[in-house]
Amino acid sequence: MIFLDYVASTSHIASGKLIPLGVTARDRHKVWPNVPVIAETYPGFDQIVYLGLATPAGVPADILNILHRHVVGAVTDPAIRSRLEGLGIVISTPSRDEYNRFVRDQLDRWAGYVRDAKIQPE
């Protein structure tokens, strides 16, 4: 068994070399509507692959706003959006604050898993 993102696994699934057993996100993937989400078997399971843009701390807000506006503009451009969606990428354009909250929540979530498993740094 292996966990792969959609883009990396699509050609292998299409060739029959891999069989998808489940989707790790909350909802079924629109390209694979017959593949169950893992949470259907293990309630609460929810893990997505996400991409975002980060900058060093201290970048002025006006610069961050410009970057955000351009990134949103790029991924919502019809040609780019079509290409990304063709790769199976689900596009989301949260505000900067929403994305910061999401990242903090993910860090807290995974830190909890590390604590619960009593994993210590080497």
N, C-alpha and C. Protein backbone atom coordinates (compact mmCIF):
# COMPACT_ATOMS: atom_id res chain seq x y z
N MET A 1 0.85 -1.17 0.00
CA MET A 1 0.00 0.00 0.00
C MET A 1 0.90 1.23 0.00
N ILE A 2 0.43 2.27 -0.69
CA ILE A 2 1.19 3.51 -0.78
C ILE A 2 0.20 4.67 -0.84
N PHE A 3 0.59 5.79 -0.23
CA PHE A 3 -0.20 7.01 -0.33
C PHE A 3 0.47 7.90 -1.38
N LEU A 4 -0.27 8.26 -2.41
CA LEU A 4 0.23 9.13 -3.46
C LEU A 4 -0.77 10.24 -3.72
N ASP A 5 -0.25 11.37 -4.19
CA ASP A 5 -1.18 12.41 -4.59
C ASP A 5 -1.75 12.06 -5.97
N TYR A 6 -2.84 12.72 -6.29
CA TYR A 6 -3.55 12.41 -7.52
C TYR A 6 -2.65 12.52 -8.75
N VAL A 7 -1.90 13.62 -8.85
CA VAL A 7 -1.08 13.86 -10.04
C VAL A 7 -0.06 12.74 -10.23
N ALA A 8 0.58 12.30 -9.15
CA ALA A 8 1.61 11.26 -9.25
C ALA A 8 1.02 9.89 -9.54
N SER A 9 -0.22 9.66 -9.18
CA SER A 9 -0.79 8.32 -9.31
C SER A 9 -1.66 8.10 -10.54
N THR A 10 -2.13 9.16 -11.17
CA THR A 10 -3.10 9.04 -12.25
C THR A 10 -2.66 8.10 -13.37
N SER A 11 -1.46 8.29 -13.88
CA SER A 11 -1.03 7.45 -15.01
C SER A 11 -0.91 5.99 -14.60
N HIS A 12 -0.50 5.74 -13.36
CA HIS A 12 -0.37 4.35 -12.89
C HIS A 12 -1.73 3.70 -12.70
N ILE A 13 -2.70 4.49 -12.27
CA ILE A 13 -4.06 3.96 -12.13
C ILE A 13 -4.65 3.70 -13.50
N ALA A 14 -4.45 4.64 -14.43
CA ALA A 14 -4.98 4.48 -15.79
C ALA A 14 -4.39 3.24 -16.47
N SER A 15 -3.12 2.93 -16.17
CA SER A 15 -2.46 1.77 -16.80
C SER A 15 -2.84 0.46 -16.11
N GLY A 16 -3.50 0.55 -14.96
CA GLY A 16 -3.86 -0.65 -14.23
C GLY A 16 -2.79 -1.15 -13.28
N LYS A 17 -1.67 -0.41 -13.18
CA LYS A 17 -0.59 -0.83 -12.28
C LYS A 17 -0.93 -0.55 -10.81
N LEU A 18 -1.80 0.42 -10.58
CA LEU A 18 -2.27 0.73 -9.23
C LEU A 18 -3.79 0.70 -9.19
N ILE A 19 -4.31 0.27 -8.07
CA ILE A 19 -5.75 0.29 -7.86
C ILE A 19 -6.02 1.20 -6.67
N PRO A 20 -6.79 2.27 -6.88
CA PRO A 20 -7.06 3.17 -5.75
C PRO A 20 -8.02 2.51 -4.75
N LEU A 21 -7.62 2.51 -3.49
CA LEU A 21 -8.44 1.91 -2.44
C LEU A 21 -9.25 2.96 -1.69
N GLY A 22 -8.73 4.18 -1.65
CA GLY A 22 -9.43 5.22 -0.91
C GLY A 22 -8.81 6.57 -1.17
N VAL A 23 -9.60 7.59 -0.92
CA VAL A 23 -9.19 8.98 -1.05
C VAL A 23 -9.03 9.52 0.36
N THR A 24 -7.93 10.23 0.61
CA THR A 24 -7.65 10.69 1.97
C THR A 24 -8.39 11.95 2.37
N ALA A 25 -8.97 12.67 1.42
CA ALA A 25 -9.69 13.90 1.73
C ALA A 25 -11.06 13.59 2.32
N ARG A 26 -11.75 14.63 2.75
CA ARG A 26 -13.09 14.48 3.32
C ARG A 26 -14.12 14.01 2.32
N ASP A 27 -13.97 14.45 1.08
CA ASP A 27 -14.96 14.17 0.04
C ASP A 27 -14.35 13.33 -1.07
N ARG A 28 -15.21 12.60 -1.76
CA ARG A 28 -14.73 11.82 -2.91
C ARG A 28 -14.20 12.77 -3.97
N HIS A 29 -13.19 12.30 -4.68
CA HIS A 29 -12.58 13.10 -5.74
C HIS A 29 -13.49 13.06 -6.96
N LYS A 30 -13.70 14.21 -7.59
CA LYS A 30 -14.63 14.25 -8.73
C LYS A 30 -14.17 13.39 -9.89
N VAL A 31 -12.87 13.14 -10.01
CA VAL A 31 -12.37 12.29 -11.09
C VAL A 31 -12.55 10.81 -10.76
N TRP A 32 -12.58 10.48 -9.48
CA TRP A 32 -12.75 9.10 -9.03
C TRP A 32 -13.98 8.99 -8.14
N PRO A 33 -15.16 9.24 -8.63
CA PRO A 33 -16.35 9.26 -7.77
C PRO A 33 -16.68 7.90 -7.14
N ASN A 34 -16.18 6.81 -7.72
CA ASN A 34 -16.47 5.48 -7.18
C ASN A 34 -15.45 5.01 -6.15
N VAL A 35 -14.42 5.81 -5.92
CA VAL A 35 -13.40 5.45 -4.93
C VAL A 35 -13.83 6.07 -3.60
N PRO A 36 -14.03 5.25 -2.57
CA PRO A 36 -14.50 5.79 -1.28
C PRO A 36 -13.44 6.64 -0.59
N VAL A 37 -13.91 7.51 0.27
CA VAL A 37 -12.98 8.24 1.12
C VAL A 37 -12.63 7.32 2.29
N ILE A 38 -11.42 7.44 2.79
CA ILE A 38 -10.97 6.58 3.88
C ILE A 38 -11.86 6.77 5.11
N ALA A 39 -12.37 7.98 5.28
CA ALA A 39 -13.23 8.26 6.44
C ALA A 39 -14.52 7.44 6.43
N GLU A 40 -14.87 6.87 5.30
CA GLU A 40 -16.04 5.99 5.27
C GLU A 40 -15.77 4.71 6.05
N THR A 41 -14.51 4.33 6.16
CA THR A 41 -14.10 3.16 6.93
C THR A 41 -13.54 3.56 8.29
N TYR A 42 -12.76 4.64 8.30
CA TYR A 42 -12.14 5.15 9.52
C TYR A 42 -12.63 6.57 9.76
N PRO A 43 -13.77 6.71 10.45
CA PRO A 43 -14.35 8.04 10.65
C PRO A 43 -13.34 9.03 11.25
N GLY A 44 -13.35 10.22 10.70
CA GLY A 44 -12.47 11.27 11.17
C GLY A 44 -11.19 11.40 10.37
N PHE A 45 -10.89 10.39 9.55
CA PHE A 45 -9.67 10.46 8.74
C PHE A 45 -9.86 11.55 7.69
N ASP A 46 -8.91 12.47 7.65
CA ASP A 46 -8.99 13.58 6.70
C ASP A 46 -7.59 14.14 6.51
N GLN A 47 -6.99 13.85 5.39
CA GLN A 47 -5.66 14.39 5.11
C GLN A 47 -5.56 14.72 3.64
N ILE A 48 -5.27 15.96 3.34
CA ILE A 48 -5.14 16.38 1.95
C ILE A 48 -3.71 16.81 1.67
N VAL A 49 -3.36 16.80 0.42
CA VAL A 49 -2.11 17.39 -0.04
C VAL A 49 -2.48 18.81 -0.44
N TYR A 50 -1.77 19.77 0.07
CA TYR A 50 -2.10 21.14 -0.28
C TYR A 50 -0.84 21.90 -0.63
N LEU A 51 -1.01 22.88 -1.47
CA LEU A 51 0.10 23.72 -1.88
C LEU A 51 -0.25 25.15 -1.52
N GLY A 52 0.72 25.87 -1.06
CA GLY A 52 0.50 27.27 -0.72
C GLY A 52 1.80 28.03 -0.93
N LEU A 53 1.72 29.31 -0.81
CA LEU A 53 2.88 30.17 -0.99
C LEU A 53 3.24 30.75 0.37
N ALA A 54 4.52 30.67 0.72
CA ALA A 54 4.98 31.22 2.00
C ALA A 54 6.09 32.22 1.74
N THR A 55 6.23 33.16 2.64
CA THR A 55 7.29 34.17 2.56
C THR A 55 8.01 34.21 3.90
N PRO A 56 9.17 34.81 3.93
CA PRO A 56 9.82 35.00 5.22
C PRO A 56 8.97 35.92 6.11
N ALA A 57 9.12 35.78 7.39
CA ALA A 57 8.40 36.67 8.32
C ALA A 57 8.84 38.11 8.06
N GLY A 58 7.92 39.02 8.28
CA GLY A 58 8.26 40.43 8.19
C GLY A 58 8.02 41.07 6.83
N VAL A 59 7.55 40.29 5.84
CA VAL A 59 7.24 40.90 4.55
C VAL A 59 6.05 41.84 4.76
N PRO A 60 6.13 43.06 4.28
CA PRO A 60 5.04 44.02 4.49
C PRO A 60 3.70 43.53 3.93
N ALA A 61 2.63 43.87 4.64
CA ALA A 61 1.28 43.42 4.26
C ALA A 61 0.92 43.83 2.84
N ASP A 62 1.33 45.03 2.40
CA ASP A 62 0.96 45.44 1.05
C ASP A 62 1.60 44.53 0.01
N ILE A 63 2.81 44.06 0.27
CA ILE A 63 3.48 43.12 -0.65
C ILE A 63 2.76 41.77 -0.61
N LEU A 64 2.39 41.32 0.58
CA LEU A 64 1.66 40.05 0.71
C LEU A 64 0.33 40.13 -0.02
N ASN A 65 -0.34 41.25 0.08
CA ASN A 65 -1.63 41.41 -0.61
C ASN A 65 -1.44 41.35 -2.13
N ILE A 66 -0.38 41.95 -2.63
CA ILE A 66 -0.10 41.90 -4.07
C ILE A 66 0.18 40.46 -4.50
N LEU A 67 1.02 39.77 -3.75
CA LEU A 67 1.32 38.37 -4.07
C LEU A 67 0.05 37.53 -4.08
N HIS A 68 -0.77 37.70 -3.05
CA HIS A 68 -2.02 36.94 -2.95
C HIS A 68 -2.91 37.21 -4.16
N ARG A 69 -3.05 38.47 -4.51
CA ARG A 69 -3.90 38.85 -5.63
C ARG A 69 -3.40 38.20 -6.93
N HIS A 70 -2.09 38.18 -7.14
CA HIS A 70 -1.54 37.59 -8.36
C HIS A 70 -1.67 36.06 -8.37
N VAL A 71 -1.47 35.43 -7.24
CA VAL A 71 -1.62 33.97 -7.18
C VAL A 71 -3.08 33.59 -7.45
N VAL A 72 -4.00 34.27 -6.80
CA VAL A 72 -5.42 33.99 -7.03
C VAL A 72 -5.76 34.25 -8.51
N GLY A 73 -5.23 35.35 -9.05
CA GLY A 73 -5.47 35.65 -10.46
C GLY A 73 -4.95 34.55 -11.37
N ALA A 74 -3.80 34.00 -11.04
CA ALA A 74 -3.22 32.94 -11.87
C ALA A 74 -4.06 31.67 -11.82
N VAL A 75 -4.39 31.21 -10.63
CA VAL A 75 -5.10 29.92 -10.54
C VAL A 75 -6.56 30.02 -10.95
N THR A 76 -7.08 31.23 -11.06
CA THR A 76 -8.46 31.38 -11.53
C THR A 76 -8.52 31.78 -13.00
N ASP A 77 -7.36 32.02 -13.63
CA ASP A 77 -7.33 32.26 -15.07
C ASP A 77 -7.88 31.01 -15.75
N PRO A 78 -8.83 31.16 -16.67
CA PRO A 78 -9.48 29.98 -17.26
C PRO A 78 -8.51 28.95 -17.85
N ALA A 79 -7.48 29.38 -18.53
CA ALA A 79 -6.53 28.43 -19.15
C ALA A 79 -5.74 27.68 -18.09
N ILE A 80 -5.27 28.40 -17.09
CA ILE A 80 -4.48 27.77 -16.02
C ILE A 80 -5.38 26.88 -15.17
N ARG A 81 -6.57 27.39 -14.83
CA ARG A 81 -7.51 26.60 -14.04
C ARG A 81 -7.84 25.28 -14.75
N SER A 82 -8.10 25.36 -16.05
CA SER A 82 -8.43 24.18 -16.82
C SER A 82 -7.28 23.17 -16.79
N ARG A 83 -6.07 23.65 -16.93
CA ARG A 83 -4.89 22.76 -16.91
C ARG A 83 -4.72 22.11 -15.54
N LEU A 84 -4.85 22.91 -14.48
CA LEU A 84 -4.71 22.36 -13.13
C LEU A 84 -5.80 21.34 -12.84
N GLU A 85 -7.03 21.69 -13.18
CA GLU A 85 -8.14 20.76 -12.94
C GLU A 85 -7.98 19.50 -13.77
N GLY A 86 -7.39 19.64 -14.98
CA GLY A 86 -7.12 18.48 -15.81
C GLY A 86 -6.12 17.53 -15.17
N LEU A 87 -5.29 18.06 -14.30
CA LEU A 87 -4.34 17.24 -13.55
C LEU A 87 -4.97 16.66 -12.28
N GLY A 88 -6.23 17.01 -12.04
CA GLY A 88 -6.92 16.51 -10.86
C GLY A 88 -6.76 17.38 -9.64
N ILE A 89 -6.22 18.57 -9.83
CA ILE A 89 -6.00 19.48 -8.70
C ILE A 89 -7.30 20.21 -8.39
N VAL A 90 -7.67 20.21 -7.13
CA VAL A 90 -8.85 20.94 -6.68
C VAL A 90 -8.37 22.32 -6.24
N ILE A 91 -8.89 23.35 -6.87
CA ILE A 91 -8.41 24.70 -6.62
C ILE A 91 -9.22 25.35 -5.50
N SER A 92 -8.50 25.97 -4.60
CA SER A 92 -9.10 26.70 -3.50
C SER A 92 -8.35 28.03 -3.39
N THR A 93 -9.08 29.09 -3.14
CA THR A 93 -8.44 30.41 -3.03
C THR A 93 -8.85 31.08 -1.72
N PRO A 94 -8.37 30.54 -0.60
CA PRO A 94 -8.71 31.16 0.68
C PRO A 94 -8.03 32.52 0.82
N SER A 95 -8.59 33.31 1.72
CA SER A 95 -7.93 34.58 2.04
C SER A 95 -6.62 34.26 2.75
N ARG A 96 -5.78 35.26 2.89
CA ARG A 96 -4.52 35.05 3.61
C ARG A 96 -4.80 34.59 5.03
N ASP A 97 -5.74 35.22 5.70
CA ASP A 97 -6.06 34.85 7.08
C ASP A 97 -6.60 33.41 7.15
N GLU A 98 -7.46 33.04 6.21
CA GLU A 98 -7.99 31.67 6.20
C GLU A 98 -6.87 30.65 6.00
N TYR A 99 -5.96 30.94 5.09
CA TYR A 99 -4.87 30.01 4.85
C TYR A 99 -3.94 29.92 6.06
N ASN A 100 -3.65 31.06 6.69
CA ASN A 100 -2.82 31.05 7.90
C ASN A 100 -3.46 30.20 8.99
N ARG A 101 -4.78 30.33 9.17
CA ARG A 101 -5.49 29.52 10.16
C ARG A 101 -5.39 28.04 9.80
N PHE A 102 -5.57 27.73 8.52
CA PHE A 102 -5.48 26.34 8.07
C PHE A 102 -4.11 25.75 8.39
N VAL A 103 -3.05 26.48 8.07
CA VAL A 103 -1.69 25.99 8.33
C VAL A 103 -1.47 25.81 9.83
N ARG A 104 -1.91 26.79 10.63
CA ARG A 104 -1.76 26.65 12.09
C ARG A 104 -2.52 25.43 12.60
N ASP A 105 -3.74 25.23 12.10
CA ASP A 105 -4.53 24.06 12.51
C ASP A 105 -3.83 22.76 12.13
N GLN A 106 -3.23 22.72 10.94
CA GLN A 106 -2.50 21.52 10.52
C GLN A 106 -1.28 21.28 11.42
N LEU A 107 -0.55 22.34 11.73
CA LEU A 107 0.61 22.20 12.62
C LEU A 107 0.18 21.69 13.99
N ASP A 108 -0.89 22.25 14.54
CA ASP A 108 -1.40 21.79 15.84
C ASP A 108 -1.84 20.33 15.77
N ARG A 109 -2.54 19.99 14.71
CA ARG A 109 -3.04 18.63 14.54
C ARG A 109 -1.88 17.63 14.53
N TRP A 110 -0.87 17.88 13.69
CA TRP A 110 0.23 16.94 13.57
C TRP A 110 1.12 16.96 14.80
N ALA A 111 1.25 18.09 15.46
CA ALA A 111 2.00 18.14 16.72
C ALA A 111 1.31 17.25 17.76
N GLY A 112 -0.01 17.25 17.75
CA GLY A 112 -0.76 16.38 18.66
C GLY A 112 -0.50 14.91 18.37
N TYR A 113 -0.44 14.54 17.09
CA TYR A 113 -0.14 13.16 16.74
C TYR A 113 1.25 12.77 17.23
N VAL A 114 2.20 13.68 17.07
CA VAL A 114 3.58 13.41 17.51
C VAL A 114 3.61 13.24 19.02
N ARG A 115 2.92 14.13 19.75
CA ARG A 115 2.86 14.02 21.22
C ARG A 115 2.21 12.72 21.64
N ASP A 116 1.04 12.39 21.03
CA ASP A 116 0.33 11.18 21.40
C ASP A 116 1.15 9.92 21.14
N ALA A 117 1.95 9.95 20.09
CA ALA A 117 2.79 8.80 19.76
C ALA A 117 4.10 8.80 20.55
N LYS A 118 4.30 9.86 21.35
CA LYS A 118 5.51 10.00 22.16
C LYS A 118 6.77 9.95 21.29
N ILE A 119 6.71 10.58 20.13
CA ILE A 119 7.87 10.64 19.23
C ILE A 119 8.80 11.73 19.73
N GLN A 120 10.06 11.37 19.90
CA GLN A 120 11.06 12.31 20.38
C GLN A 120 12.06 12.61 19.27
N PRO A 121 12.55 13.85 19.22
CA PRO A 121 13.58 14.15 18.23
C PRO A 121 14.86 13.39 18.57
N GLU A 122 15.60 13.06 17.55
CA GLU A 122 16.86 12.33 17.79
C GLU A 122 17.97 13.28 18.07
